[in-house]
PDB file of N, CA and C in Angstrom:
ATOM      1  N   UNK A   1      10.498-132.714 -99.825  1.00  0.00           N
ATOM      2  CA  UNK A   1      10.194-133.808 -98.661  1.00  0.00           C
ATOM      3  C   UNK A   1       9.192-133.483 -98.069  1.00  0.00           C
ATOM      4  N   UNK A   2       8.376-134.686 -97.460  1.00  0.00           N
ATOM      5  CA  UNK A   2       7.022-134.314 -96.461  1.00  0.00           C
ATOM      6  C   UNK A   2       7.201-135.364 -95.673  1.00  0.00           C
ATOM      7  N   UNK A   3       6.604-134.952 -94.467  1.00  0.00           N
ATOM      8  CA  UNK A   3       6.363-135.525 -93.358  1.00  0.00           C
ATOM      9  C   UNK A   3       4.742-135.925 -93.077  1.00  0.00           C
ATOM     10  N   UNK A   4       4.377-137.167 -93.222  1.00  0.00           N
ATOM     11  CA  UNK A   4       2.848-137.257 -92.962  1.00  0.00           C
ATOM     12  C   UNK A   4       2.707-138.106 -91.738  1.00  0.00           C
ATOM     13  N   UNK A   5       1.789-137.661 -90.793  1.00  0.00           N
ATOM     14  CA  UNK A   5       1.692-138.198 -89.657  1.00  0.00           C
ATOM     15  C   UNK A   5      -0.073-138.586 -89.374  1.00  0.00           C
ATOM     16  N   UNK A   6      -0.158-139.566 -88.727  1.00  0.00           N
ATOM     17  CA  UNK A   6      -1.484-140.128 -88.250  1.00  0.00           C
ATOM     18  C   UNK A   6      -1.710-140.562 -87.169  1.00  0.00           C
ATOM     19  N   UNK A   7      -2.646-140.351 -86.094  1.00  0.00           N
ATOM     20  CA  UNK A   7      -2.690-140.991 -85.016  1.00  0.00           C
ATOM     21  C   UNK A   7      -3.385-142.343 -85.243  1.00  0.00           C
ATOM     22  N   UNK A   8      -2.778-143.142 -84.380  1.00  0.00           N
ATOM     23  CA  UNK A   8      -3.439-144.896 -84.460  1.00  0.00           C
ATOM     24  C   UNK A   8      -3.520-145.060 -82.946  1.00  0.00           C
ATOM     25  N   UNK A   9      -4.255-146.137 -82.564  1.00  0.00           N
ATOM     26  CA  UNK A   9      -4.559-146.538 -81.322  1.00  0.00           C
ATOM     27  C   UNK A   9      -2.958-146.701 -80.277  1.00  0.00           C
ATOM     28  N   UNK A  10      -1.913-146.854 -80.942  1.00  0.00           N
ATOM     29  CA  UNK A  10      -0.663-147.274 -80.333  1.00  0.00           C
ATOM     30  C   UNK A  10       0.312-146.154 -80.663  1.00  0.00           C
ATOM     31  N   UNK A  11      -0.281-145.029 -80.926  1.00  0.00           N
ATOM     32  CA  UNK A  11       0.567-143.834 -81.091  1.00  0.00           C
ATOM     33  C   UNK A  11       0.577-143.194 -82.572  1.00  0.00           C
ATOM     34  N   UNK A  12       1.594-142.361 -82.702  1.00  0.00           N
ATOM     35  CA  UNK A  12       1.596-141.749 -83.829  1.00  0.00           C
ATOM     36  C   UNK A  12       2.186-142.642 -84.959  1.00  0.00           C
ATOM     37  N   UNK A  13       2.060-142.475 -86.171  1.00  0.00           N
ATOM     38  CA  UNK A  13       2.714-143.215 -87.270  1.00  0.00           C
ATOM     39  C   UNK A  13       2.923-141.991 -88.345  1.00  0.00           C
ATOM     40  N   UNK A  14       4.472-142.214 -88.236  1.00  0.00           N
ATOM     41  CA  UNK A  14       5.058-140.981 -89.322  1.00  0.00           C
ATOM     42  C   UNK A  14       5.646-141.672 -90.521  1.00  0.00           C
ATOM     43  N   UNK A  15       5.182-141.189 -91.604  1.00  0.00           N
ATOM     44  CA  UNK A  15       6.012-141.611 -93.044  1.00  0.00           C
ATOM     45  C   UNK A  15       6.495-140.370 -93.443  1.00  0.00           C
ATOM     46  N   UNK A  16       7.759-140.334 -94.244  1.00  0.00           N
ATOM     47  CA  UNK A  16       8.455-139.475 -94.612  1.00  0.00           C
ATOM     48  C   UNK A  16       8.648-139.893 -95.967  1.00  0.00           C
ATOM     49  N   UNK A  17       8.586-138.715 -97.185  1.00  0.00           N
ATOM     50  CA  UNK A  17       8.624-138.827 -98.482  1.00  0.00           C
ATOM     51  C   UNK A  17       9.632-137.829 -99.032  1.00  0.00           C
ATOM     52  N   UNK A  18      10.780-138.368 -99.811  1.00  0.00           N
ATOM     53  CA  UNK A  18      11.578-137.592-100.486  1.00  0.00           C
ATOM     54  C   UNK A  18      11.524-137.826-101.770  1.00  0.00           C
ATOM     55  N   UNK A  19      11.602-136.561-102.592  1.00  0.00           N
ATOM     56  CA  UNK A  19      11.723-136.514-103.975  1.00  0.00           C
ATOM     57  C   UNK A  19      13.162-135.943-104.527  1.00  0.00           C
ATOM     58  N   UNK A  20      13.988-136.692-104.440  1.00  0.00           N
ATOM     59  CA  UNK A  20      15.438-136.547-104.627  1.00  0.00           C
ATOM     60  C   UNK A  20      15.390-136.135-106.206  1.00  0.00           C
ATOM     61  N   UNK A  21      15.714-134.893-106.338  1.00  0.00           N
ATOM     62  CA  UNK A  21      15.906-134.454-107.813  1.00  0.00           C
ATOM     63  C   UNK A  21      14.814-133.857-108.327  1.00  0.00           C
ATOM     64  N   UNK A  22      13.760-133.972-107.758  1.00  0.00           N
ATOM     65  CA  UNK A  22      12.480-133.090-108.056  1.00  0.00           C
ATOM     66  C   UNK A  22      12.905-131.566-108.372  1.00  0.00           C
ATOM     67  N   UNK A  23      12.287-131.192-109.519  1.00  0.00           N
ATOM     68  CA  UNK A  23      12.265-129.587-109.742  1.00  0.00           C
ATOM     69  C   UNK A  23      13.790-129.295-110.425  1.00  0.00           C
ATOM     70  N   UNK A  24      14.522-130.419-110.599  1.00  0.00           N
ATOM     71  CA  UNK A  24      15.637-130.040-111.383  1.00  0.00           C
ATOM     72  C   UNK A  24      15.225-130.155-112.753  1.00  0.00           C
ATOM     73  N   UNK A  25      15.897-128.907-113.698  1.00  0.00           N
ATOM     74  CA  UNK A  25      15.457-129.186-115.081  1.00  0.00           C
ATOM     75  C   UNK A  25      16.439-129.703-115.819  1.00  0.00           C
ATOM     76  N   UNK A  26      16.491-131.221-115.641  1.00  0.00           N
ATOM     77  CA  UNK A  26      17.627-131.995-116.152  1.00  0.00           C
ATOM     78  C   UNK A  26      16.841-133.368-116.908  1.00  0.00           C
ATOM     79  N   UNK A  27      17.603-133.594-117.924  1.00  0.00           N
ATOM     80  CA  UNK A  27      17.386-134.830-118.523  1.00  0.00           C
ATOM     81  C   UNK A  27      17.273-136.082-117.364  1.00  0.00           C
ATOM     82  N   UNK A  28      16.568-137.250-117.344  1.00  0.00           N
ATOM     83  CA  UNK A  28      16.465-137.998-116.155  1.00  0.00           C
ATOM     84  C   UNK A  28      17.877-138.692-115.845  1.00  0.00           C
ATOM     85  N   UNK A  29      18.465-139.052-117.093  1.00  0.00           N
ATOM     86  CA  UNK A  29      19.826-139.528-117.034  1.00  0.00           C
ATOM     87  C   UNK A  29      20.906-138.210-116.205  1.00  0.00           C
ATOM     88  N   UNK A  30      20.769-137.066-116.738  1.00  0.00           N
ATOM     89  CA  UNK A  30      21.593-136.357-116.007  1.00  0.00           C
ATOM     90  C   UNK A  30      21.074-135.922-114.259  1.00  0.00           C
ATOM     91  N   UNK A  31      19.945-136.131-114.012  1.00  0.00           N
ATOM     92  CA  UNK A  31      19.266-135.893-112.649  1.00  0.00           C
ATOM     93  C   UNK A  31      20.126-137.362-112.030  1.00  0.00           C
ATOM     94  N   UNK A  32      19.890-138.601-112.412  1.00  0.00           N
ATOM     95  CA  UNK A  32      20.407-139.721-112.103  1.00  0.00           C
ATOM     96  C   UNK A  32      22.296-139.577-111.436  1.00  0.00           C
ATOM     97  N   UNK A  33      22.773-138.542-112.569  1.00  0.00           N
ATOM     98  CA  UNK A  33      24.324-138.370-112.109  1.00  0.00           C
ATOM     99  C   UNK A  33      24.428-137.299-111.107  1.00  0.00           C
ATOM    100  N   UNK A  34      23.335-136.535-110.804  1.00  0.00           N
ATOM    101  CA  UNK A  34      23.624-135.312-110.336  1.00  0.00           C
ATOM    102  C   UNK A  34      23.400-135.696-108.832  1.00  0.00           C
ATOM    103  N   UNK A  35      22.799-136.966-108.554  1.00  0.00           N
ATOM    104  CA  UNK A  35      22.453-137.234-107.317  1.00  0.00           C
ATOM    105  C   UNK A  35      23.268-138.729-106.817  1.00  0.00           C
ATOM    106  N   UNK A  36      24.374-138.578-105.854  1.00  0.00           N
ATOM    107  CA  UNK A  36      24.923-139.642-105.490  1.00  0.00           C
ATOM    108  C   UNK A  36      24.330-140.789-105.149  1.00  0.00           C
ATOM    109  N   UNK A  37      24.722-141.892-105.473  1.00  0.00           N
ATOM    110  CA  UNK A  37      23.973-143.142-105.127  1.00  0.00           C
ATOM    111  C   UNK A  37      23.747-143.545-103.746  1.00  0.00           C
ATOM    112  N   UNK A  38      24.625-142.941-103.020  1.00  0.00           N
ATOM    113  CA  UNK A  38      24.351-143.276-101.657  1.00  0.00           C
ATOM    114  C   UNK A  38      23.811-142.224-101.046  1.00  0.00           C
ATOM    115  N   UNK A  39      23.183-141.348-101.378  1.00  0.00           N
ATOM    116  CA  UNK A  39      22.384-139.957-100.595  1.00  0.00           C
ATOM    117  C   UNK A  39      20.943-140.854-100.178  1.00  0.00           C
ATOM    118  N   UNK A  40      20.396-141.818-100.697  1.00  0.00           N
ATOM    119  CA  UNK A  40      19.142-142.533 -99.863  1.00  0.00           C
ATOM    120  C   UNK A  40      19.473-142.924 -98.751  1.00  0.00           C
ATOM    121  N   UNK A  41      20.590-143.630 -98.818  1.00  0.00           N
ATOM    122  CA  UNK A  41      21.197-144.463 -97.455  1.00  0.00           C
ATOM    123  C   UNK A  41      21.495-143.426 -96.501  1.00  0.00           C
ATOM    124  N   UNK A  42      22.247-142.559 -97.010  1.00  0.00           N
ATOM    125  CA  UNK A  42      22.549-141.290 -95.904  1.00  0.00           C
ATOM    126  C   UNK A  42      21.228-140.819 -95.262  1.00  0.00           C
ATOM    127  N   UNK A  43      20.312-140.513 -96.128  1.00  0.00           N
ATOM    128  CA  UNK A  43      18.876-139.913 -95.569  1.00  0.00           C
ATOM    129  C   UNK A  43      18.387-140.984 -94.625  1.00  0.00           C
ATOM    130  N   UNK A  44      18.566-142.204 -94.956  1.00  0.00           N
ATOM    131  CA  UNK A  44      17.818-143.350 -94.255  1.00  0.00           C
ATOM    132  C   UNK A  44      18.383-143.258 -92.865  1.00  0.00           C
ATOM    133  N   UNK A  45      19.836-143.275 -92.633  1.00  0.00           N
ATOM    134  CA  UNK A  45      20.551-143.084 -91.588  1.00  0.00           C
ATOM    135  C   UNK A  45      20.376-141.863 -90.739  1.00  0.00           C
ATOM    136  N   UNK A  46      20.284-140.892 -91.431  1.00  0.00           N
ATOM    137  CA  UNK A  46      19.982-139.609 -90.568  1.00  0.00           C
ATOM    138  C   UNK A  46      18.357-139.642 -89.822  1.00  0.00           C
ATOM    139  N   UNK A  47      17.678-140.051 -90.883  1.00  0.00           N
ATOM    140  CA  UNK A  47      16.315-140.172 -90.340  1.00  0.00           C
ATOM    141  C   UNK A  47      16.066-140.926 -89.042  1.00  0.00           C
ATOM    142  N   UNK A  48      16.858-142.117 -89.044  1.00  0.00           N
ATOM    143  CA  UNK A  48      16.819-143.104 -88.279  1.00  0.00           C
ATOM    144  C   UNK A  48      17.264-142.629 -86.719  1.00  0.00           C
ATOM    145  N   UNK A  49      18.499-141.921 -86.755  1.00  0.00           N
ATOM    146  CA  UNK A  49      19.014-141.511 -85.900  1.00  0.00           C
ATOM    147  C   UNK A  49      18.194-140.290 -85.142  1.00  0.00           C
ATOM    148  N   UNK A  50      17.762-139.395 -86.013  1.00  0.00           N
ATOM    149  CA  UNK A  50      16.885-138.201 -85.452  1.00  0.00           C
ATOM    150  C   UNK A  50      15.953-138.916 -84.754  1.00  0.00           C
ATOM    151  N   UNK A  51      15.049-139.858 -85.289  1.00  0.00           N
ATOM    152  CA  UNK A  51      13.772-140.274 -84.768  1.00  0.00           C
ATOM    153  C   UNK A  51      14.049-140.903 -83.496  1.00  0.00           C
ATOM    154  N   UNK A  52      15.247-141.867 -83.370  1.00  0.00           N
ATOM    155  CA  UNK A  52      15.710-142.552 -82.035  1.00  0.00           C
ATOM    156  C   UNK A  52      15.779-141.566 -81.173  1.00  0.00           C
ATOM    157  N   UNK A  53      16.323-140.278 -81.398  1.00  0.00           N
ATOM    158  CA  UNK A  53      16.809-139.284 -80.206  1.00  0.00           C
ATOM    159  C   UNK A  53      15.480-138.687 -79.909  1.00  0.00           C
ATOM    160  N   UNK A  54      14.600-138.304 -80.632  1.00  0.00           N
ATOM    161  CA  UNK A  54      13.147-137.905 -80.666  1.00  0.00           C
ATOM    162  C   UNK A  54      12.198-138.807 -79.767  1.00  0.00           C
ATOM    163  N   UNK A  55      12.373-139.985 -80.072  1.00  0.00           N
ATOM    164  CA  UNK A  55      11.593-141.100 -79.265  1.00  0.00           C
ATOM    165  C   UNK A  55      11.788-140.990 -77.810  1.00  0.00           C
ATOM    166  N   UNK A  56      13.184-140.500 -77.630  1.00  0.00           N
ATOM    167  CA  UNK A  56      13.574-140.617 -76.302  1.00  0.00           C
ATOM    168  C   UNK A  56      12.727-139.372 -75.351  1.00  0.00           C
ATOM    169  N   UNK A  57      12.605-138.462 -75.597  1.00  0.00           N
ATOM    170  CA  UNK A  57      11.878-137.391 -74.779  1.00  0.00           C
ATOM    171  C   UNK A  57      10.712-136.796 -75.560  1.00  0.00           C
ATOM    172  N   UNK A  58      10.073-137.046 -76.662  1.00  0.00           N
ATOM    173  CA  UNK A  58       8.927-136.572 -76.878  1.00  0.00           C
ATOM    174  C   UNK A  58       7.740-137.090 -76.127  1.00  0.00           C
ATOM    175  N   UNK A  59       7.735-138.507 -75.840  1.00  0.00           N
ATOM    176  CA  UNK A  59       6.573-138.888 -74.991  1.00  0.00           C
ATOM    177  C   UNK A  59       6.664-138.003 -73.740  1.00  0.00           C
ATOM    178  N   UNK A  60       7.684-137.707 -72.858  1.00  0.00           N
ATOM    179  CA  UNK A  60       7.634-136.745 -72.005  1.00  0.00           C
ATOM    180  C   UNK A  60       7.152-135.678 -72.000  1.00  0.00           C
ATOM    181  N   UNK A  61       7.423-134.832 -73.107  1.00  0.00           N
ATOM    182  CA  UNK A  61       6.948-133.582 -73.594  1.00  0.00           C
ATOM    183  C   UNK A  61       5.394-133.575 -73.725  1.00  0.00           C
ATOM    184  N   UNK A  62       4.737-134.727 -74.301  1.00  0.00           N
ATOM    185  CA  UNK A  62       3.464-134.849 -74.552  1.00  0.00           C
ATOM    186  C   UNK A  62       2.697-134.893 -73.361  1.00  0.00           C
ATOM    187  N   UNK A  63       3.288-135.784 -72.391  1.00  0.00           N
ATOM    188  CA  UNK A  63       2.687-136.011 -71.255  1.00  0.00           C
ATOM    189  C   UNK A  63       2.797-134.695 -70.254  1.00  0.00           C
ATOM    190  N   UNK A  64       3.640-133.802 -70.220  1.00  0.00           N
ATOM    191  CA  UNK A  64       4.070-132.761 -69.638  1.00  0.00           C
ATOM    192  C   UNK A  64       2.787-131.674 -70.056  1.00  0.00           C
ATOM    193  N   UNK A  65       2.657-131.700 -71.341  1.00  0.00           N
ATOM    194  CA  UNK A  65       1.686-130.554 -71.940  1.00  0.00           C
ATOM    195  C   UNK A  65       0.189-131.022 -71.467  1.00  0.00           C
ATOM    196  N   UNK A  66       0.071-132.389 -71.288  1.00  0.00           N
ATOM    197  CA  UNK A  66      -1.336-132.575 -70.843  1.00  0.00           C
ATOM    198  C   UNK A  66      -1.260-132.963 -69.053  1.00  0.00           C
ATOM    199  N   UNK A  67      -0.470-132.331 -68.475  1.00  0.00           N
ATOM    200  CA  UNK A  67      -0.631-132.571 -66.969  1.00  0.00           C
ATOM    201  C   UNK A  67      -1.746-132.088 -66.287  1.00  0.00           C
ATOM    202  N   UNK A  68      -2.276-131.111 -66.771  1.00  0.00           N
ATOM    203  CA  UNK A  68      -3.532-130.702 -66.174  1.00  0.00           C
ATOM    204  C   UNK A  68      -4.725-131.359 -66.638  1.00  0.00           C
ATOM    205  N   UNK A  69      -4.888-132.133 -67.734  1.00  0.00           N
ATOM    206  CA  UNK A  69      -6.001-133.039 -68.155  1.00  0.00           C
ATOM    207  C   UNK A  69      -5.566-134.253 -67.672  1.00  0.00           C
ATOM    208  N   UNK A  70      -4.667-134.886 -67.811  1.00  0.00           N
ATOM    209  CA  UNK A  70      -4.616-136.578 -67.437  1.00  0.00           C
ATOM    210  C   UNK A  70      -3.552-136.512 -66.336  1.00  0.00           C
ATOM    211  N   UNK A  71      -3.918-137.561 -65.144  1.00  0.00           N
ATOM    212  CA  UNK A  71      -2.907-137.750 -64.323  1.00  0.00           C
ATOM    213  C   UNK A  71      -1.513-138.278 -64.825  1.00  0.00           C
ATOM    214  N   UNK A  72      -0.411-137.739 -64.243  1.00  0.00           N
ATOM    215  CA  UNK A  72       0.734-138.249 -64.682  1.00  0.00           C
ATOM    216  C   UNK A  72       0.912-139.918 -64.305  1.00  0.00           C
ATOM    217  N   UNK A  73       1.379-140.574 -65.094  1.00  0.00           N
ATOM    218  CA  UNK A  73       1.686-141.793 -64.975  1.00  0.00           C
ATOM    219  C   UNK A  73       2.809-141.906 -64.008  1.00  0.00           C
ATOM    220  N   UNK A  74       2.881-142.838 -62.873  1.00  0.00           N
ATOM    221  CA  UNK A  74       4.114-142.801 -62.065  1.00  0.00           C
ATOM    222  C   UNK A  74       4.797-144.212 -62.558  1.00  0.00           C
ATOM    223  N   UNK A  75       6.228-143.878 -62.398  1.00  0.00           N
ATOM    224  CA  UNK A  75       6.965-145.281 -62.935  1.00  0.00           C
ATOM    225  C   UNK A  75       6.831-146.166 -61.754  1.00  0.00           C
ATOM    226  N   UNK A  76       6.159-146.034 -60.713  1.00  0.00           N
ATOM    227  CA  UNK A  76       6.405-147.290 -59.768  1.00  0.00           C
ATOM    228  C   UNK A  76       5.061-147.568 -59.296  1.00  0.00           C
TER     229      UNK A  76
END
């Protein structure tokens, strides 16, 4: 697995890559049998849920880290 992030003008863009079965010393047909068909969908659901939760509080943490450099945006 690898997470690759880059800054953009509208925030951080994150790409995740998964190499399922990489490193297994198996014939490709055996690798396909060793990895359940629904594993990719479960990874997708996990990542979606994880990043939805992170998206709720990471912006506030980033703003708090820069509180001495940038004035805090007031909600009103």
